[in-house]
């Protein structure tokens, strides 16, 4: 049996589902799927290696990051006087404008 290119079969109006065996179609589909998954895996691996290298390079250039400064702690139960005055002014204005 001589092989005829698929585009000639389509031009002649032949149903290609009858011409190409199902096992060849499945094999081609599995092959395409594995190639696609392999390409994605390689590109994602390359991206992980690249980002890790850039992180090491940034640490080498900038040096070690500074430790965070501890927050200044106020004694518990002593609210900030400025905050109290702002809150009381807001409550007073709200009550005045809403008739309470």
C-alpha atoms as a PDB file:
ATOM      1  CA  UNK A   1       0.000   0.000   0.000  1.00  0.00           C
ATOM      2  CA  UNK A   2       1.434   3.385  -0.951  1.00  0.00           C
ATOM      3  CA  UNK A   3       1.140   6.225   1.491  1.00  0.00           C
ATOM      4  CA  UNK A   4      -0.714   9.320   0.361  1.00  0.00           C
ATOM      5  CA  UNK A   5      -0.131  12.631   2.154  1.00  0.00           C
ATOM      6  CA  UNK A   6      -3.025  13.675   4.363  1.00  0.00           C
ATOM      7  CA  UNK A   7      -3.466  17.046   2.630  1.00  0.00           C
ATOM      8  CA  UNK A   8      -4.093  15.241  -0.692  1.00  0.00           C
ATOM      9  CA  UNK A   9      -6.657  13.019   1.003  1.00  0.00           C
ATOM     10  CA  UNK A  10      -8.400  16.048   2.472  1.00  0.00           C
ATOM     11  CA  UNK A  11      -8.385  17.789  -0.912  1.00  0.00           C
ATOM     12  CA  UNK A  12      -9.951  14.699  -2.467  1.00  0.00           C
ATOM     13  CA  UNK A  13     -12.705  14.693   0.165  1.00  0.00           C
ATOM     14  CA  UNK A  14     -11.627  11.418   1.806  1.00  0.00           C
ATOM     15  CA  UNK A  15     -12.529  10.929   5.470  1.00  0.00           C
ATOM     16  CA  UNK A  16      -9.117  10.709   7.148  1.00  0.00           C
ATOM     17  CA  UNK A  17     -10.527   8.928  10.192  1.00  0.00           C
ATOM     18  CA  UNK A  18     -10.963   5.893   7.951  1.00  0.00           C
ATOM     19  CA  UNK A  19      -7.444   6.193   6.510  1.00  0.00           C
ATOM     20  CA  UNK A  20      -5.258   6.775   9.587  1.00  0.00           C
ATOM     21  CA  UNK A  21      -5.420   3.883  12.075  1.00  0.00           C
ATOM     22  CA  UNK A  22      -6.490   4.694  15.618  1.00  0.00           C
ATOM     23  CA  UNK A  23      -3.360   3.178  17.166  1.00  0.00           C
ATOM     24  CA  UNK A  24      -1.172   5.533  15.121  1.00  0.00           C
ATOM     25  CA  UNK A  25      -3.282   8.516  16.175  1.00  0.00           C
ATOM     26  CA  UNK A  26      -3.042   7.507  19.848  1.00  0.00           C
ATOM     27  CA  UNK A  27       0.707   6.955  19.561  1.00  0.00           C
ATOM     28  CA  UNK A  28       1.137  10.373  17.969  1.00  0.00           C
ATOM     29  CA  UNK A  29      -1.009  11.959  20.700  1.00  0.00           C
ATOM     30  CA  UNK A  30       0.953  10.304  23.504  1.00  0.00           C
ATOM     31  CA  UNK A  31       4.232  11.283  21.845  1.00  0.00           C
ATOM     32  CA  UNK A  32       3.103  14.905  21.528  1.00  0.00           C
ATOM     33  CA  UNK A  33       1.911  14.943  25.154  1.00  0.00           C
ATOM     34  CA  UNK A  34       5.199  13.564  26.483  1.00  0.00           C
ATOM     35  CA  UNK A  35       7.229  16.003  24.408  1.00  0.00           C
ATOM     36  CA  UNK A  36       5.127  18.910  25.687  1.00  0.00           C
ATOM     37  CA  UNK A  37       5.431  17.802  29.292  1.00  0.00           C
ATOM     38  CA  UNK A  38       9.186  17.382  28.859  1.00  0.00           C
ATOM     39  CA  UNK A  39       9.574  20.881  27.434  1.00  0.00           C
ATOM     40  CA  UNK A  40       7.535  22.389  30.294  1.00  0.00           C
ATOM     41  CA  UNK A  41       9.551  20.415  32.875  1.00  0.00           C
ATOM     42  CA  UNK A  42      12.872  21.566  31.397  1.00  0.00           C
ATOM     43  CA  UNK A  43      11.774  25.210  31.187  1.00  0.00           C
ATOM     44  CA  UNK A  44      10.443  25.229  34.763  1.00  0.00           C
ATOM     45  CA  UNK A  45      13.671  23.627  36.002  1.00  0.00           C
ATOM     46  CA  UNK A  46      15.692  26.233  34.134  1.00  0.00           C
ATOM     47  CA  UNK A  47      13.572  28.976  35.715  1.00  0.00           C
ATOM     48  CA  UNK A  48      14.140  27.567  39.230  1.00  0.00           C
ATOM     49  CA  UNK A  49      17.905  27.422  38.671  1.00  0.00           C
ATOM     50  CA  UNK A  50      17.943  30.951  37.210  1.00  0.00           C
ATOM     51  CA  UNK A  51      15.948  32.471  40.082  1.00  0.00           C
ATOM     52  CA  UNK A  52      18.143  30.710  42.653  1.00  0.00           C
ATOM     53  CA  UNK A  53      21.277  32.022  40.933  1.00  0.00           C
ATOM     54  CA  UNK A  54      19.881  35.543  40.831  1.00  0.00           C
ATOM     55  CA  UNK A  55      19.077  35.327  44.551  1.00  0.00           C
ATOM     56  CA  UNK A  56      22.631  34.255  45.379  1.00  0.00           C
ATOM     57  CA  UNK A  57      24.030  36.999  43.159  1.00  0.00           C
ATOM     58  CA  UNK A  58      21.830  39.644  44.806  1.00  0.00           C
ATOM     59  CA  UNK A  59      22.966  38.514  48.273  1.00  0.00           C
ATOM     60  CA  UNK A  60      26.589  38.608  47.168  1.00  0.00           C
ATOM     61  CA  UNK A  61      26.263  42.126  45.724  1.00  0.00           C
ATOM     62  CA  UNK A  62      24.129  43.658  48.496  1.00  0.00           C
ATOM     63  CA  UNK A  63      25.546  41.705  51.407  1.00  0.00           C
ATOM     64  CA  UNK A  64      23.563  40.059  54.127  1.00  0.00           C
ATOM     65  CA  UNK A  65      20.211  41.685  54.922  1.00  0.00           C
ATOM     66  CA  UNK A  66      20.055  43.739  58.084  1.00  0.00           C
ATOM     67  CA  UNK A  67      18.180  42.188  60.992  1.00  0.00           C
ATOM     68  CA  UNK A  68      14.811  43.819  61.607  1.00  0.00           C
ATOM     69  CA  UNK A  69      14.731  46.399  64.353  1.00  0.00           C
ATOM     70  CA  UNK A  70      12.712  45.357  67.380  1.00  0.00           C
ATOM     71  CA  UNK A  71       9.533  47.389  67.743  1.00  0.00           C
ATOM     72  CA  UNK A  72       9.539  50.010  70.424  1.00  0.00           C
ATOM     73  CA  UNK A  73       7.279  48.621  73.090  1.00  0.00           C
ATOM     74  CA  UNK A  74       5.018  50.796  75.191  1.00  0.00           C
ATOM     75  CA  UNK A  75       3.892  49.517  78.525  1.00  0.00           C
ATOM     76  CA  UNK A  76       0.598  47.706  78.263  1.00  0.00           C
ATOM     77  CA  UNK A  77      -2.428  49.728  79.232  1.00  0.00           C
ATOM     78  CA  UNK A  78      -0.935  53.176  78.495  1.00  0.00           C
ATOM     79  CA  UNK A  79      -2.552  54.416  75.282  1.00  0.00           C
ATOM     80  CA  UNK A  80      -0.938  57.113  73.184  1.00  0.00           C
ATOM     81  CA  UNK A  81      -2.353  60.519  74.178  1.00  0.00           C
ATOM     82  CA  UNK A  82      -2.394  61.814  70.587  1.00  0.00           C
ATOM     83  CA  UNK A  83      -4.337  58.749  69.455  1.00  0.00           C
ATOM     84  CA  UNK A  84      -6.870  59.235  72.241  1.00  0.00           C
ATOM     85  CA  UNK A  85      -7.403  62.883  71.318  1.00  0.00           C
ATOM     86  CA  UNK A  86      -7.898  62.028  67.617  1.00  0.00           C
ATOM     87  CA  UNK A  87     -10.422  59.300  68.443  1.00  0.00           C
ATOM     88  CA  UNK A  88     -12.366  61.484  70.848  1.00  0.00           C
ATOM     89  CA  UNK A  89     -12.473  64.342  68.290  1.00  0.00           C
ATOM     90  CA  UNK A  90     -13.802  61.946  65.638  1.00  0.00           C
ATOM     91  CA  UNK A  91     -16.480  60.596  67.986  1.00  0.00           C
ATOM     92  CA  UNK A  92     -17.490  64.123  68.985  1.00  0.00           C
ATOM     93  CA  UNK A  93     -17.777  65.221  65.334  1.00  0.00           C
ATOM     94  CA  UNK A  94     -19.824  62.126  64.445  1.00  0.00           C
ATOM     95  CA  UNK A  95     -22.228  62.652  67.320  1.00  0.00           C
ATOM     96  CA  UNK A  96     -22.609  66.346  66.483  1.00  0.00           C
ATOM     97  CA  UNK A  97     -23.353  65.669  62.785  1.00  0.00           C
ATOM     98  CA  UNK A  98     -25.786  62.780  63.448  1.00  0.00           C
ATOM     99  CA  UNK A  99     -27.761  64.448  66.229  1.00  0.00           C
ATOM    100  CA  UNK A 100     -26.783  62.208  69.112  1.00  0.00           C
END
